[in-house]
């Protein structure tokens, strides 16, 4: 038995309670580099508590829809940004916190060129690229302390 979630296109307003959508929407905030580069400034609220920012590279196996969601996780000590290194969409699953446990998950699909930053403590699914190569730059907290909490659902969800 599973429960069904419909994945919808991600947008800044719908995702705001969970994190930031990082994209080049609208005109750049500033033109730099002798007029050859647009800068969209300060697009994510990175939060590393008492740690420091680190940049890691992740290569995840592509998944397909429908996707079986059995587990979500969160990082209580810092935010986590996922920046795809190719122009392909990926699946983003988040859930509100309800008394220290995840509530009903929500599923989003990014547009090519969009990245996300998950706020500290946000319940989320694992990295789920929908196409190869599944290569991401990840900016997250490096430091002491246990920064991972997992929750396994008694009844999984199917994301369509």
C-alpha atoms as a PDB file:
ATOM      1  CA  UNK A   1       0.000   0.000   0.000  1.00  0.00           C
ATOM      2  CA  UNK A   2       1.208   3.516  -0.816  1.00  0.00           C
ATOM      3  CA  UNK A   3      -0.111   7.046  -0.679  1.00  0.00           C
ATOM      4  CA  UNK A   4       0.066   9.237  -3.792  1.00  0.00           C
ATOM      5  CA  UNK A   5       1.761  12.629  -4.144  1.00  0.00           C
ATOM      6  CA  UNK A   6       1.585  14.700  -7.333  1.00  0.00           C
ATOM      7  CA  UNK A   7       4.841  16.439  -8.229  1.00  0.00           C
ATOM      8  CA  UNK A   8       4.259  20.028  -9.356  1.00  0.00           C
ATOM      9  CA  UNK A   9       6.608  22.605 -10.888  1.00  0.00           C
ATOM     10  CA  UNK A  10       8.650  24.312  -8.204  1.00  0.00           C
ATOM     11  CA  UNK A  11       8.214  28.038  -7.632  1.00  0.00           C
ATOM     12  CA  UNK A  12       9.638  30.497  -5.132  1.00  0.00           C
ATOM     13  CA  UNK A  13       6.382  31.208  -3.264  1.00  0.00           C
ATOM     14  CA  UNK A  14       5.273  27.579  -2.806  1.00  0.00           C
ATOM     15  CA  UNK A  15       8.754  26.532  -1.667  1.00  0.00           C
ATOM     16  CA  UNK A  16       9.493  29.522   0.620  1.00  0.00           C
ATOM     17  CA  UNK A  17       8.632  27.724   3.867  1.00  0.00           C
ATOM     18  CA  UNK A  18      11.190  25.010   3.107  1.00  0.00           C
ATOM     19  CA  UNK A  19      14.020  26.897   1.436  1.00  0.00           C
ATOM     20  CA  UNK A  20      15.071  29.017  -1.512  1.00  0.00           C
ATOM     21  CA  UNK A  21      14.666  28.465  -5.254  1.00  0.00           C
ATOM     22  CA  UNK A  22      17.906  29.642  -6.823  1.00  0.00           C
ATOM     23  CA  UNK A  23      17.426  30.848 -10.395  1.00  0.00           C
ATOM     24  CA  UNK A  24      18.065  33.636 -12.873  1.00  0.00           C
ATOM     25  CA  UNK A  25      14.462  34.807 -13.113  1.00  0.00           C
ATOM     26  CA  UNK A  26      13.918  38.410 -14.207  1.00  0.00           C
ATOM     27  CA  UNK A  27      16.591  40.976 -14.933  1.00  0.00           C
ATOM     28  CA  UNK A  28      19.945  40.637 -13.169  1.00  0.00           C
ATOM     29  CA  UNK A  29      20.536  42.754 -10.077  1.00  0.00           C
ATOM     30  CA  UNK A  30      23.728  44.094 -11.578  1.00  0.00           C
ATOM     31  CA  UNK A  31      25.733  43.931 -14.793  1.00  0.00           C
ATOM     32  CA  UNK A  32      29.429  43.197 -14.150  1.00  0.00           C
ATOM     33  CA  UNK A  33      32.619  42.111 -15.935  1.00  0.00           C
ATOM     34  CA  UNK A  34      32.688  44.969 -18.433  1.00  0.00           C
ATOM     35  CA  UNK A  35      29.032  44.442 -19.280  1.00  0.00           C
ATOM     36  CA  UNK A  36      29.368  40.766 -20.245  1.00  0.00           C
ATOM     37  CA  UNK A  37      27.867  39.160 -17.127  1.00  0.00           C
ATOM     38  CA  UNK A  38      24.606  39.505 -15.215  1.00  0.00           C
ATOM     39  CA  UNK A  39      24.692  38.931 -11.457  1.00  0.00           C
ATOM     40  CA  UNK A  40      21.622  37.702  -9.576  1.00  0.00           C
ATOM     41  CA  UNK A  41      22.816  38.602  -6.100  1.00  0.00           C
ATOM     42  CA  UNK A  42      22.373  36.747  -2.782  1.00  0.00           C
ATOM     43  CA  UNK A  43      19.737  34.204  -3.880  1.00  0.00           C
ATOM     44  CA  UNK A  44      19.876  31.836  -0.867  1.00  0.00           C
ATOM     45  CA  UNK A  45      19.964  32.165   2.932  1.00  0.00           C
ATOM     46  CA  UNK A  46      22.860  29.844   3.806  1.00  0.00           C
ATOM     47  CA  UNK A  47      22.951  28.925   7.506  1.00  0.00           C
ATOM     48  CA  UNK A  48      25.813  26.896   8.977  1.00  0.00           C
ATOM     49  CA  UNK A  49      25.444  27.569  12.702  1.00  0.00           C
ATOM     50  CA  UNK A  50      28.793  26.973  14.356  1.00  0.00           C
ATOM     51  CA  UNK A  51      30.222  25.139  11.326  1.00  0.00           C
ATOM     52  CA  UNK A  52      31.644  26.401   8.063  1.00  0.00           C
ATOM     53  CA  UNK A  53      30.494  26.244   4.447  1.00  0.00           C
ATOM     54  CA  UNK A  54      31.790  23.353   2.398  1.00  0.00           C
ATOM     55  CA  UNK A  55      31.348  22.539  -1.278  1.00  0.00           C
ATOM     56  CA  UNK A  56      31.047  18.844  -2.138  1.00  0.00           C
ATOM     57  CA  UNK A  57      30.216  17.063  -5.380  1.00  0.00           C
ATOM     58  CA  UNK A  58      27.475  14.413  -5.409  1.00  0.00           C
ATOM     59  CA  UNK A  59      26.749  11.975  -8.250  1.00  0.00           C
ATOM     60  CA  UNK A  60      23.334  10.350  -7.776  1.00  0.00           C
ATOM     61  CA  UNK A  61      21.730   7.677  -9.906  1.00  0.00           C
ATOM     62  CA  UNK A  62      18.795   9.034 -11.932  1.00  0.00           C
ATOM     63  CA  UNK A  63      15.330   7.932 -10.804  1.00  0.00           C
ATOM     64  CA  UNK A  64      12.055   7.763 -12.687  1.00  0.00           C
ATOM     65  CA  UNK A  65       8.481   8.679 -11.900  1.00  0.00           C
ATOM     66  CA  UNK A  66       6.551   7.199 -10.275  1.00  0.00           C
ATOM     67  CA  UNK A  67       9.059   7.350  -7.416  1.00  0.00           C
ATOM     68  CA  UNK A  68       8.605   5.460  -4.138  1.00  0.00           C
ATOM     69  CA  UNK A  69       9.232   7.742  -1.136  1.00  0.00           C
ATOM     70  CA  UNK A  70      10.015   5.687   1.957  1.00  0.00           C
ATOM     71  CA  UNK A  71      12.241   8.043   3.953  1.00  0.00           C
ATOM     72  CA  UNK A  72      12.970  11.716   4.530  1.00  0.00           C
ATOM     73  CA  UNK A  73      15.842  13.317   6.386  1.00  0.00           C
ATOM     74  CA  UNK A  74      16.812  16.671   7.827  1.00  0.00           C
ATOM     75  CA  UNK A  75      19.937  18.503   8.899  1.00  0.00           C
ATOM     76  CA  UNK A  76      19.351  20.338  12.203  1.00  0.00           C
ATOM     77  CA  UNK A  77      22.720  22.140  12.231  1.00  0.00           C
ATOM     78  CA  UNK A  78      22.786  23.756   8.793  1.00  0.00           C
ATOM     79  CA  UNK A  79      21.201  24.524   5.453  1.00  0.00           C
ATOM     80  CA  UNK A  80      21.950  22.491   2.327  1.00  0.00           C
ATOM     81  CA  UNK A  81      22.037  23.800  -1.263  1.00  0.00           C
ATOM     82  CA  UNK A  82      21.795  21.505  -4.308  1.00  0.00           C
ATOM     83  CA  UNK A  83      23.144  23.006  -7.540  1.00  0.00           C
ATOM     84  CA  UNK A  84      22.821  20.763 -10.622  1.00  0.00           C
ATOM     85  CA  UNK A  85      25.866  20.769 -12.865  1.00  0.00           C
ATOM     86  CA  UNK A  86      23.790  20.074 -15.993  1.00  0.00           C
ATOM     87  CA  UNK A  87      20.637  21.664 -17.365  1.00  0.00           C
ATOM     88  CA  UNK A  88      18.158  18.948 -16.427  1.00  0.00           C
ATOM     89  CA  UNK A  89      15.277  18.935 -13.926  1.00  0.00           C
ATOM     90  CA  UNK A  90      15.331  17.066 -10.622  1.00  0.00           C
ATOM     91  CA  UNK A  91      12.725  15.982  -8.085  1.00  0.00           C
ATOM     92  CA  UNK A  92      12.549  17.861  -4.770  1.00  0.00           C
ATOM     93  CA  UNK A  93      10.524  16.427  -1.883  1.00  0.00           C
ATOM     94  CA  UNK A  94      10.001  18.373   1.343  1.00  0.00           C
ATOM     95  CA  UNK A  95       7.717  18.054   4.364  1.00  0.00           C
ATOM     96  CA  UNK A  96       6.680  20.456   7.114  1.00  0.00           C
ATOM     97  CA  UNK A  97       7.774  19.678  10.661  1.00  0.00           C
ATOM     98  CA  UNK A  98       4.856  18.609  12.848  1.00  0.00           C
ATOM     99  CA  UNK A  99       5.934  18.151  16.441  1.00  0.00           C
ATOM    100  CA  UNK A 100       9.418  16.919  15.535  1.00  0.00           C
ATOM    101  CA  UNK A 101       8.222  14.551  12.806  1.00  0.00           C
ATOM    102  CA  UNK A 102       7.556  15.129   9.106  1.00  0.00           C
ATOM    103  CA  UNK A 103       4.038  16.070   8.072  1.00  0.00           C
ATOM    104  CA  UNK A 104       2.549  15.312   4.660  1.00  0.00           C
ATOM    105  CA  UNK A 105       5.298  15.599   2.032  1.00  0.00           C
ATOM    106  CA  UNK A 106       5.139  17.868  -1.001  1.00  0.00           C
ATOM    107  CA  UNK A 107       6.863  17.069  -4.290  1.00  0.00           C
ATOM    108  CA  UNK A 108       8.241  19.529  -6.839  1.00  0.00           C
ATOM    109  CA  UNK A 109      10.092  19.263 -10.127  1.00  0.00           C
ATOM    110  CA  UNK A 110      12.660  21.938 -10.962  1.00  0.00           C
ATOM    111  CA  UNK A 111      13.093  23.564 -14.342  1.00  0.00           C
ATOM    112  CA  UNK A 112      16.463  23.182 -16.079  1.00  0.00           C
ATOM    113  CA  UNK A 113      18.837  25.742 -14.555  1.00  0.00           C
ATOM    114  CA  UNK A 114      17.093  25.948 -11.166  1.00  0.00           C
ATOM    115  CA  UNK A 115      18.832  25.023  -7.918  1.00  0.00           C
ATOM    116  CA  UNK A 116      17.515  24.869  -4.360  1.00  0.00           C
ATOM    117  CA  UNK A 117      18.678  25.664  -0.855  1.00  0.00           C
ATOM    118  CA  UNK A 118      16.955  23.786   1.974  1.00  0.00           C
ATOM    119  CA  UNK A 119      16.615  25.723   5.223  1.00  0.00           C
ATOM    120  CA  UNK A 120      18.186  24.286   8.353  1.00  0.00           C
ATOM    121  CA  UNK A 121      15.974  21.540   9.824  1.00  0.00           C
ATOM    122  CA  UNK A 122      13.771  21.061   6.740  1.00  0.00           C
ATOM    123  CA  UNK A 123      12.563  17.496   6.209  1.00  0.00           C
ATOM    124  CA  UNK A 124      13.437  16.436   2.652  1.00  0.00           C
ATOM    125  CA  UNK A 125      13.804  13.458   0.373  1.00  0.00           C
ATOM    126  CA  UNK A 126      17.160  12.232  -0.866  1.00  0.00           C
ATOM    127  CA  UNK A 127      18.833  13.737  -3.929  1.00  0.00           C
ATOM    128  CA  UNK A 128      16.654  12.582  -6.835  1.00  0.00           C
ATOM    129  CA  UNK A 129      17.870  13.495 -10.321  1.00  0.00           C
ATOM    130  CA  UNK A 130      15.483  12.552 -13.121  1.00  0.00           C
ATOM    131  CA  UNK A 131      18.198  12.395 -15.829  1.00  0.00           C
ATOM    132  CA  UNK A 132      21.868  11.475 -16.084  1.00  0.00           C
ATOM    133  CA  UNK A 133      24.508  12.460 -15.182  1.00  0.00           C
ATOM    134  CA  UNK A 134      23.027  13.305 -11.747  1.00  0.00           C
ATOM    135  CA  UNK A 135      26.019  15.499 -10.860  1.00  0.00           C
ATOM    136  CA  UNK A 136      25.467  18.259  -8.273  1.00  0.00           C
ATOM    137  CA  UNK A 137      27.538  20.753  -6.342  1.00  0.00           C
ATOM    138  CA  UNK A 138      26.290  20.754  -2.754  1.00  0.00           C
ATOM    139  CA  UNK A 139      26.966  23.593  -0.334  1.00  0.00           C
ATOM    140  CA  UNK A 140      26.388  22.539   3.250  1.00  0.00           C
ATOM    141  CA  UNK A 141      27.708  22.631   6.800  1.00  0.00           C
ATOM    142  CA  UNK A 142      31.054  21.113   7.691  1.00  0.00           C
ATOM    143  CA  UNK A 143      31.623  20.832  11.433  1.00  0.00           C
ATOM    144  CA  UNK A 144      31.255  18.840  14.615  1.00  0.00           C
ATOM    145  CA  UNK A 145      27.946  17.373  15.780  1.00  0.00           C
ATOM    146  CA  UNK A 146      25.311  15.010  14.417  1.00  0.00           C
ATOM    147  CA  UNK A 147      23.729  16.834  11.487  1.00  0.00           C
ATOM    148  CA  UNK A 148      21.493  14.057  10.143  1.00  0.00           C
ATOM    149  CA  UNK A 149      18.101  12.797  11.305  1.00  0.00           C
ATOM    150  CA  UNK A 150      16.103  10.239   9.273  1.00  0.00           C
ATOM    151  CA  UNK A 151      12.413   9.344   9.366  1.00  0.00           C
ATOM    152  CA  UNK A 152      11.031   6.203   7.681  1.00  0.00           C
ATOM    153  CA  UNK A 153       7.326   6.267   6.772  1.00  0.00           C
ATOM    154  CA  UNK A 154       5.170   3.337   7.909  1.00  0.00           C
ATOM    155  CA  UNK A 155       3.238   3.689   4.647  1.00  0.00           C
ATOM    156  CA  UNK A 156       5.368   4.892   1.711  1.00  0.00           C
ATOM    157  CA  UNK A 157       4.274   7.527  -0.771  1.00  0.00           C
ATOM    158  CA  UNK A 158       4.243   7.201  -4.552  1.00  0.00           C
ATOM    159  CA  UNK A 159       5.262  10.412  -6.317  1.00  0.00           C
ATOM    160  CA  UNK A 160       3.748  10.732  -9.774  1.00  0.00           C
END
